[in-house]
PDB file of all heavy atoms in Angstrom:
ATOM      1  N   ARG A   1    -162.361  46.219 143.270  1.00  0.00           N
ATOM      2  CA  ARG A   1    -163.761  46.537 143.554  1.00  0.00           C
ATOM      3  C   ARG A   1    -164.283  45.552 144.595  1.00  0.00           C
ATOM      4  O   ARG A   1    -164.857  44.512 144.278  1.00  0.00           O
ATOM      5  CB  ARG A   1    -164.592  46.486 142.272  1.00  0.00           C
ATOM      6  CG  ARG A   1    -164.054  47.426 141.195  1.00  0.00           C
ATOM      7  CD  ARG A   1    -164.949  47.482 139.979  1.00  0.00           C
ATOM      8  NE  ARG A   1    -164.372  48.350 138.958  1.00  0.00           N
ATOM      9  CZ  ARG A   1    -164.471  49.671 138.947  1.00  0.00           C
ATOM     10  NH1 ARG A   1    -165.136  50.290 139.916  1.00  0.00           N
ATOM     11  NH2 ARG A   1    -163.920  50.388 137.982  1.00  0.00           N
ATOM     12  N   GLY A   2    -164.036  45.884 145.836  1.00  0.00           N
ATOM     13  CA  GLY A   2    -164.465  45.021 146.926  1.00  0.00           C
ATOM     14  C   GLY A   2    -165.955  45.104 147.162  1.00  0.00           C
ATOM     15  O   GLY A   2    -166.571  46.161 147.006  1.00  0.00           O
ATOM     16  N   SER A   3    -166.546  43.990 147.531  1.00  0.00           N
ATOM     17  CA  SER A   3    -167.979  43.928 147.794  1.00  0.00           C
ATOM     18  C   SER A   3    -168.279  42.711 148.648  1.00  0.00           C
ATOM     19  O   SER A   3    -167.582  41.701 148.586  1.00  0.00           O
ATOM     20  CB  SER A   3    -168.766  43.854 146.474  1.00  0.00           C
ATOM     21  OG  SER A   3    -170.138  43.614 146.721  1.00  0.00           O
ATOM     22  N   ASP A   4    -169.327  42.833 149.464  1.00  0.00           N
ATOM     23  CA  ASP A   4    -169.777  41.694 150.250  1.00  0.00           C
ATOM     24  C   ASP A   4    -170.600  40.726 149.418  1.00  0.00           C
ATOM     25  O   ASP A   4    -170.920  39.627 149.870  1.00  0.00           O
ATOM     26  CB  ASP A   4    -170.614  42.167 151.439  1.00  0.00           C
ATOM     27  CG  ASP A   4    -169.772  42.894 152.482  1.00  0.00           C
ATOM     28  OD1 ASP A   4    -168.580  42.548 152.592  1.00  0.00           O
ATOM     29  OD2 ASP A   4    -170.301  43.786 153.159  1.00  0.00           O
ATOM     30  N   PHE A   5    -170.967  41.127 148.192  1.00  0.00           N
ATOM     31  CA  PHE A   5    -171.843  40.308 147.362  1.00  0.00           C
ATOM     32  C   PHE A   5    -171.113  39.664 146.188  1.00  0.00           C
ATOM     33  O   PHE A   5    -171.594  38.708 145.607  1.00  0.00           O
ATOM     34  CB  PHE A   5    -173.004  41.155 146.831  1.00  0.00           C
ATOM     35  CG  PHE A   5    -173.799  41.813 147.918  1.00  0.00           C
ATOM     36  CD1 PHE A   5    -173.606  43.153 148.229  1.00  0.00           C
ATOM     37  CD2 PHE A   5    -174.736  41.098 148.656  1.00  0.00           C
ATOM     38  CE1 PHE A   5    -174.330  43.770 149.244  1.00  0.00           C
ATOM     39  CE2 PHE A   5    -175.456  41.694 149.666  1.00  0.00           C
ATOM     40  CZ  PHE A   5    -175.254  43.041 149.968  1.00  0.00           C
ATOM     41  N   SER A   6    -169.973  40.192 145.800  1.00  0.00           N
ATOM     42  CA  SER A   6    -169.181  39.597 144.722  1.00  0.00           C
ATOM     43  C   SER A   6    -167.707  39.683 145.086  1.00  0.00           C
ATOM     44  O   SER A   6    -167.272  40.646 145.725  1.00  0.00           O
ATOM     45  CB  SER A   6    -169.441  40.308 143.392  1.00  0.00           C
ATOM     46  OG  SER A   6    -169.051  41.672 143.466  1.00  0.00           O
ATOM     47  N   GLU A   7    -166.952  38.664 144.656  1.00  0.00           N
ATOM     48  CA  GLU A   7    -165.547  38.553 145.039  1.00  0.00           C
ATOM     49  C   GLU A   7    -164.655  39.017 143.898  1.00  0.00           C
ATOM     50  O   GLU A   7    -164.778  38.539 142.763  1.00  0.00           O
ATOM     51  CB  GLU A   7    -165.236  37.101 145.407  1.00  0.00           C
ATOM     52  CG  GLU A   7    -163.875  36.896 146.032  1.00  0.00           C
ATOM     53  CD  GLU A   7    -163.666  35.458 146.463  1.00  0.00           C
ATOM     54  OE1 GLU A   7    -164.325  34.570 145.882  1.00  0.00           O
ATOM     55  OE2 GLU A   7    -162.851  35.215 147.372  1.00  0.00           O
ATOM     56  N   ASP A   8    -163.781  39.967 144.184  1.00  0.00           N
ATOM     57  CA  ASP A   8    -162.792  40.430 143.222  1.00  0.00           C
ATOM     58  C   ASP A   8    -161.441  39.839 143.634  1.00  0.00           C
ATOM     59  O   ASP A   8    -160.733  40.403 144.475  1.00  0.00           O
ATOM     60  CB  ASP A   8    -162.748  41.961 143.191  1.00  0.00           C
ATOM     61  CG  ASP A   8    -161.924  42.490 142.024  1.00  0.00           C
ATOM     62  OD1 ASP A   8    -161.482  41.680 141.192  1.00  0.00           O
ATOM     63  OD2 ASP A   8    -161.707  43.710 141.951  1.00  0.00           O
ATOM     64  N   VAL A   9    -161.090  38.699 143.051  1.00  0.00           N
ATOM     65  CA  VAL A   9    -159.897  37.954 143.472  1.00  0.00           C
ATOM     66  C   VAL A   9    -158.644  38.683 143.009  1.00  0.00           C
ATOM     67  O   VAL A   9    -158.508  39.050 141.842  1.00  0.00           O
ATOM     68  CB  VAL A   9    -159.925  36.522 142.906  1.00  0.00           C
ATOM     69  CG1 VAL A   9    -158.673  35.764 143.316  1.00  0.00           C
ATOM     70  CG2 VAL A   9    -161.177  35.801 143.385  1.00  0.00           C
ATOM     71  N   VAL A  10    -157.716  38.876 143.956  1.00  0.00           N
ATOM     72  CA  VAL A  10    -156.443  39.514 143.643  1.00  0.00           C
ATOM     73  C   VAL A  10    -155.412  38.463 143.248  1.00  0.00           C
ATOM     74  O   VAL A  10    -154.672  38.630 142.281  1.00  0.00           O
ATOM     75  CB  VAL A  10    -155.943  40.356 144.836  1.00  0.00           C
ATOM     76  CG1 VAL A  10    -154.594  41.001 144.517  1.00  0.00           C
ATOM     77  CG2 VAL A  10    -156.973  41.421 145.193  1.00  0.00           C
ATOM     78  N   LEU A  11    -155.348  37.365 143.976  1.00  0.00           N
ATOM     79  CA  LEU A  11    -154.403  36.300 143.647  1.00  0.00           C
ATOM     80  C   LEU A  11    -154.920  34.974 144.184  1.00  0.00           C
ATOM     81  O   LEU A  11    -155.796  34.930 145.053  1.00  0.00           O
ATOM     82  CB  LEU A  11    -153.004  36.608 144.188  1.00  0.00           C
ATOM     83  CG  LEU A  11    -152.844  36.880 145.690  1.00  0.00           C
ATOM     84  CD1 LEU A  11    -152.607  35.574 146.450  1.00  0.00           C
ATOM     85  CD2 LEU A  11    -151.691  37.837 145.940  1.00  0.00           C
ATOM     86  N   LEU A  12    -154.361  33.885 143.639  1.00  0.00           N
ATOM     87  CA  LEU A  12    -154.743  32.526 144.027  1.00  0.00           C
ATOM     88  C   LEU A  12    -153.535  31.846 144.656  1.00  0.00           C
ATOM     89  O   LEU A  12    -152.432  31.889 144.112  1.00  0.00           O
ATOM     90  CB  LEU A  12    -155.217  31.735 142.808  1.00  0.00           C
ATOM     91  CG  LEU A  12    -155.627  30.283 143.040  1.00  0.00           C
ATOM     92  CD1 LEU A  12    -156.882  30.221 143.898  1.00  0.00           C
ATOM     93  CD2 LEU A  12    -155.864  29.561 141.715  1.00  0.00           C
ATOM     94  N   MET A  13    -153.770  31.235 145.815  1.00  0.00           N
ATOM     95  CA  MET A  13    -152.709  30.531 146.532  1.00  0.00           C
ATOM     96  C   MET A  13    -153.049  29.048 146.649  1.00  0.00           C
ATOM     97  O   MET A  13    -154.218  28.661 146.633  1.00  0.00           O
ATOM     98  CB  MET A  13    -152.538  31.101 147.943  1.00  0.00           C
ATOM     99  CG  MET A  13    -151.855  32.443 148.018  1.00  0.00           C
ATOM    100  SD  MET A  13    -151.592  32.861 149.754  1.00  0.00           S
ATOM    101  CE  MET A  13    -150.596  31.464 150.289  1.00  0.00           C
ATOM    102  N   GLY A  14    -152.015  28.228 146.756  1.00  0.00           N
ATOM    103  CA  GLY A  14    -152.221  26.792 146.954  1.00  0.00           C
ATOM    104  C   GLY A  14    -151.085  26.194 147.755  1.00  0.00           C
ATOM    105  O   GLY A  14    -149.945  26.664 147.682  1.00  0.00           O
ATOM    106  N   GLY A  15    -151.412  25.156 148.517  1.00  0.00           N
ATOM    107  CA  GLY A  15    -150.387  24.459 149.287  1.00  0.00           C
ATOM    108  C   GLY A  15    -149.796  23.330 148.470  1.00  0.00           C
ATOM    109  O   GLY A  15    -150.383  22.246 148.376  1.00  0.00           O
ATOM    110  N   LEU A  16    -148.653  23.569 147.837  1.00  0.00           N
ATOM    111  CA  LEU A  16    -148.041  22.560 146.979  1.00  0.00           C
ATOM    112  C   LEU A  16    -147.364  21.454 147.768  1.00  0.00           C
ATOM    113  O   LEU A  16    -146.872  20.484 147.196  1.00  0.00           O
ATOM    114  CB  LEU A  16    -147.037  23.220 146.031  1.00  0.00           C
ATOM    115  CG  LEU A  16    -147.628  24.257 145.069  1.00  0.00           C
ATOM    116  CD1 LEU A  16    -146.579  24.695 144.060  1.00  0.00           C
ATOM    117  CD2 LEU A  16    -148.846  23.710 144.346  1.00  0.00           C
ATOM    118  N   ALA A  17    -147.307  21.588 149.098  1.00  0.00           N
ATOM    119  CA  ALA A  17    -146.753  20.504 149.908  1.00  0.00           C
ATOM    120  C   ALA A  17    -147.705  19.316 149.927  1.00  0.00           C
ATOM    121  O   ALA A  17    -147.285  18.185 150.186  1.00  0.00           O
ATOM    122  CB  ALA A  17    -146.495  20.997 151.334  1.00  0.00           C
ATOM    123  N   ASP A  18    -148.984  19.547 149.627  1.00  0.00           N
ATOM    124  CA  ASP A  18    -149.990  18.487 149.543  1.00  0.00           C
ATOM    125  C   ASP A  18    -150.617  18.545 148.161  1.00  0.00           C
ATOM    126  O   ASP A  18    -151.461  19.404 147.897  1.00  0.00           O
ATOM    127  CB  ASP A  18    -151.069  18.647 150.623  1.00  0.00           C
ATOM    128  CG  ASP A  18    -150.521  18.448 152.017  1.00  0.00           C
ATOM    129  OD1 ASP A  18    -149.703  17.543 152.188  1.00  0.00           O
ATOM    130  OD2 ASP A  18    -150.906  19.208 152.929  1.00  0.00           O
ATOM    131  N   MET A  19    -150.182  17.635 147.278  1.00  0.00           N
ATOM    132  CA  MET A  19    -150.681  17.608 145.910  1.00  0.00           C
ATOM    133  C   MET A  19    -151.593  16.397 145.718  1.00  0.00           C
ATOM    134  O   MET A  19    -151.469  15.382 146.410  1.00  0.00           O
ATOM    135  CB  MET A  19    -149.524  17.540 144.920  1.00  0.00           C
ATOM    136  CG  MET A  19    -148.594  18.738 144.964  1.00  0.00           C
ATOM    137  SD  MET A  19    -149.335  20.199 144.202  1.00  0.00           S
ATOM    138  CE  MET A  19    -149.243  19.745 142.476  1.00  0.00           C
ATOM    139  N   GLU A  20    -152.501  16.510 144.765  1.00  0.00           N
ATOM    140  CA  GLU A  20    -153.398  15.415 144.456  1.00  0.00           C
ATOM    141  C   GLU A  20    -153.725  15.429 142.973  1.00  0.00           C
ATOM    142  O   GLU A  20    -153.522  16.445 142.285  1.00  0.00           O
ATOM    143  CB  GLU A  20    -154.684  15.506 145.278  1.00  0.00           C
ATOM    144  CG  GLU A  20    -155.545  16.712 144.958  1.00  0.00           C
ATOM    145  CD  GLU A  20    -156.792  16.795 145.827  1.00  0.00           C
ATOM    146  OE1 GLU A  20    -156.820  16.148 146.887  1.00  0.00           O
ATOM    147  OE2 GLU A  20    -157.744  17.512 145.440  1.00  0.00           O
ATOM    148  N   VAL A  21    -154.225  14.304 142.498  1.00  0.00           N
ATOM    149  CA  VAL A  21    -154.676  14.186 141.119  1.00  0.00           C
ATOM    150  C   VAL A  21    -156.193  14.074 141.127  1.00  0.00           C
ATOM    151  O   VAL A  21    -156.764  13.253 141.847  1.00  0.00           O
ATOM    152  CB  VAL A  21    -154.067  12.953 140.425  1.00  0.00           C
ATOM    153  CG1 VAL A  21    -154.593  12.830 138.997  1.00  0.00           C
ATOM    154  CG2 VAL A  21    -152.552  13.040 140.417  1.00  0.00           C
ATOM    155  N   LYS A  22    -156.833  14.904 140.337  1.00  0.00           N
ATOM    156  CA  LYS A  22    -158.281  14.837 140.170  1.00  0.00           C
ATOM    157  C   LYS A  22    -158.550  14.117 138.855  1.00  0.00           C
ATOM    158  O   LYS A  22    -158.329  14.668 137.774  1.00  0.00           O
ATOM    159  CB  LYS A  22    -158.888  16.242 140.171  1.00  0.00           C
ATOM    160  CG  LYS A  22    -160.412  16.262 140.184  1.00  0.00           C
ATOM    161  CD  LYS A  22    -160.928  17.687 140.265  1.00  0.00           C
ATOM    162  CE  LYS A  22    -162.451  17.726 140.350  1.00  0.00           C
ATOM    163  NZ  LYS A  22    -162.954  19.121 140.405  1.00  0.00           N
ATOM    164  N   ALA A  23    -158.994  12.866 138.948  1.00  0.00           N
ATOM    165  CA  ALA A  23    -159.160  12.013 137.769  1.00  0.00           C
ATOM    166  C   ALA A  23    -160.628  11.677 137.553  1.00  0.00           C
ATOM    167  O   ALA A  23    -161.426  11.658 138.495  1.00  0.00           O
ATOM    168  CB  ALA A  23    -158.343  10.732 137.920  1.00  0.00           C
ATOM    169  N   GLU A  24    -160.974  11.409 136.288  1.00  0.00           N
ATOM    170  CA  GLU A  24    -162.334  10.996 135.944  1.00  0.00           C
ATOM    171  C   GLU A  24    -162.368   9.486 135.743  1.00  0.00           C
ATOM    172  O   GLU A  24    -161.626   8.944 134.923  1.00  0.00           O
ATOM    173  CB  GLU A  24    -162.792  11.703 134.667  1.00  0.00           C
ATOM    174  CG  GLU A  24    -163.113  13.175 134.856  1.00  0.00           C
ATOM    175  CD  GLU A  24    -163.769  13.774 133.627  1.00  0.00           C
ATOM    176  OE1 GLU A  24    -164.970  13.525 133.402  1.00  0.00           O
ATOM    177  OE2 GLU A  24    -163.072  14.487 132.895  1.00  0.00           O
ATOM    178  N   VAL A  25    -163.240   8.815 136.489  1.00  0.00           N
ATOM    179  CA  VAL A  25    -163.367   7.361 136.422  1.00  0.00           C
ATOM    180  C   VAL A  25    -164.750   7.010 135.898  1.00  0.00           C
ATOM    181  O   VAL A  25    -165.760   7.614 136.306  1.00  0.00           O
ATOM    182  CB  VAL A  25    -163.135   6.725 137.811  1.00  0.00           C
ATOM    183  CG1 VAL A  25    -163.316   5.219 137.744  1.00  0.00           C
ATOM    184  CG2 VAL A  25    -161.748   7.071 138.319  1.00  0.00           C
ATOM    185  N   GLY A  26    -164.815   6.047 134.991  1.00  0.00           N
ATOM    186  CA  GLY A  26    -166.090   5.647 134.405  1.00  0.00           C
ATOM    187  C   GLY A  26    -167.051   5.073 135.428  1.00  0.00           C
ATOM    188  O   GLY A  26    -166.645   4.533 136.463  1.00  0.00           O
ATOM    189  N   GLU A  27    -168.336   5.161 135.121  1.00  0.00           N
ATOM    190  CA  GLU A  27    -169.370   4.740 136.069  1.00  0.00           C
ATOM    191  C   GLU A  27    -169.309   3.240 136.380  1.00  0.00           C
ATOM    192  O   GLU A  27    -169.688   2.816 137.472  1.00  0.00           O
ATOM    193  CB  GLU A  27    -170.752   5.093 135.517  1.00  0.00           C
ATOM    194  CG  GLU A  27    -171.082   4.431 134.180  1.00  0.00           C
ATOM    195  CD  GLU A  27    -172.463   4.818 133.686  1.00  0.00           C
ATOM    196  OE1 GLU A  27    -173.373   4.946 134.518  1.00  0.00           O
ATOM    197  OE2 GLU A  27    -172.643   4.975 132.453  1.00  0.00           O
ATOM    198  N   HIS A  28    -168.825   2.420 135.451  1.00  0.00           N
ATOM    199  CA  HIS A  28    -168.767   0.981 135.696  1.00  0.00           C
ATOM    200  C   HIS A  28    -167.571   0.597 136.551  1.00  0.00           C
ATOM    201  O   HIS A  28    -167.523  -0.523 137.077  1.00  0.00           O
ATOM    202  CB  HIS A  28    -168.709   0.226 134.363  1.00  0.00           C
ATOM    203  CG  HIS A  28    -169.918   0.443 133.496  1.00  0.00           C
ATOM    204  ND1 HIS A  28    -171.171   0.000 133.851  1.00  0.00           N
ATOM    205  CD2 HIS A  28    -170.076   1.088 132.309  1.00  0.00           C
ATOM    206  CE1 HIS A  28    -172.054   0.334 132.916  1.00  0.00           C
ATOM    207  NE2 HIS A  28    -171.405   1.004 131.969  1.00  0.00           N
ATOM    208  N   GLU A  29    -166.600   1.478 136.680  1.00  0.00           N
ATOM    209  CA  GLU A  29    -165.394   1.171 137.450  1.00  0.00           C
ATOM    210  C   GLU A  29    -165.363   1.876 138.798  1.00  0.00           C
ATOM    211  O   GLU A  29    -164.722   1.414 139.732  1.00  0.00           O
ATOM    212  CB  GLU A  29    -164.151   1.558 136.644  1.00  0.00           C
ATOM    213  CG  GLU A  29    -163.988   0.746 135.365  1.00  0.00           C
ATOM    214  CD  GLU A  29    -162.751   1.142 134.591  1.00  0.00           C
ATOM    215  OE1 GLU A  29    -162.551   2.351 134.377  1.00  0.00           O
ATOM    216  OE2 GLU A  29    -161.979   0.241 134.214  1.00  0.00           O
ATOM    217  N   VAL A  30    -166.062   3.024 138.917  1.00  0.00           N
ATOM    218  CA  VAL A  30    -165.985   3.795 140.161  1.00  0.00           C
ATOM    219  C   VAL A  30    -166.597   3.042 141.329  1.00  0.00           C
ATOM    220  O   VAL A  30    -166.239   3.275 142.492  1.00  0.00           O
ATOM    221  CB  VAL A  30    -166.665   5.172 139.973  1.00  0.00           C
ATOM    222  CG1 VAL A  30    -168.185   5.029 139.951  1.00  0.00           C
ATOM    223  CG2 VAL A  30    -166.237   6.145 141.065  1.00  0.00           C
ATOM    224  N   VAL A  31    -167.511   2.104 141.044  1.00  0.00           N
ATOM    225  CA  VAL A  31    -168.139   1.347 142.131  1.00  0.00           C
ATOM    226  C   VAL A  31    -167.126   0.470 142.863  1.00  0.00           C
ATOM    227  O   VAL A  31    -167.368   0.045 143.996  1.00  0.00           O
ATOM    228  CB  VAL A  31    -169.303   0.482 141.585  1.00  0.00           C
ATOM    229  CG1 VAL A  31    -170.430   1.349 141.090  1.00  0.00           C
ATOM    230  CG2 VAL A  31    -168.812  -0.435 140.455  1.00  0.00           C
ATOM    231  N   ALA A  32    -165.991   0.181 142.224  1.00  0.00           N
ATOM    232  CA  ALA A  32    -164.974  -0.667 142.849  1.00  0.00           C
ATOM    233  C   ALA A  32    -163.922   0.148 143.595  1.00  0.00           C
ATOM    234  O   ALA A  32    -163.057  -0.428 144.257  1.00  0.00           O
ATOM    235  CB  ALA A  32    -164.291  -1.533 141.794  1.00  0.00           C
ATOM    236  N   VAL A  33    -163.983   1.474 143.497  1.00  0.00           N
ATOM    237  CA  VAL A  33    -162.975   2.329 144.119  1.00  0.00           C
ATOM    238  C   VAL A  33    -163.420   2.687 145.533  1.00  0.00           C
ATOM    239  O   VAL A  33    -164.579   3.057 145.759  1.00  0.00           O
ATOM    240  CB  VAL A  33    -162.758   3.607 143.283  1.00  0.00           C
ATOM    241  CG1 VAL A  33    -161.735   4.516 143.956  1.00  0.00           C
ATOM    242  CG2 VAL A  33    -162.287   3.240 141.886  1.00  0.00           C
ATOM    243  N   HIS A  34    -162.484   2.603 146.495  1.00  0.00           N
ATOM    244  CA  HIS A  34    -162.790   2.906 147.886  1.00  0.00           C
ATOM    245  C   HIS A  34    -161.753   3.866 148.450  1.00  0.00           C
ATOM    246  O   HIS A  34    -160.618   3.949 147.953  1.00  0.00           O
ATOM    247  CB  HIS A  34    -162.802   1.618 148.734  1.00  0.00           C
ATOM    248  CG  HIS A  34    -163.699   0.555 148.203  1.00  0.00           C
ATOM    249  ND1 HIS A  34    -163.252  -0.410 147.317  1.00  0.00           N
ATOM    250  CD2 HIS A  34    -165.014   0.300 148.405  1.00  0.00           C
ATOM    251  CE1 HIS A  34    -164.248  -1.207 147.009  1.00  0.00           C
ATOM    252  NE2 HIS A  34    -165.329  -0.809 147.659  1.00  0.00           N
TER     253      HIS A  34
END
């Protein structure tokens, strides 16, 4: 069901040649991260 107002996703792709970790850092420690 294609539409310009809502997206009907058929499949999801990703570039696995570039991987990353999405981590949660506490507010008292994130100030030291650069």
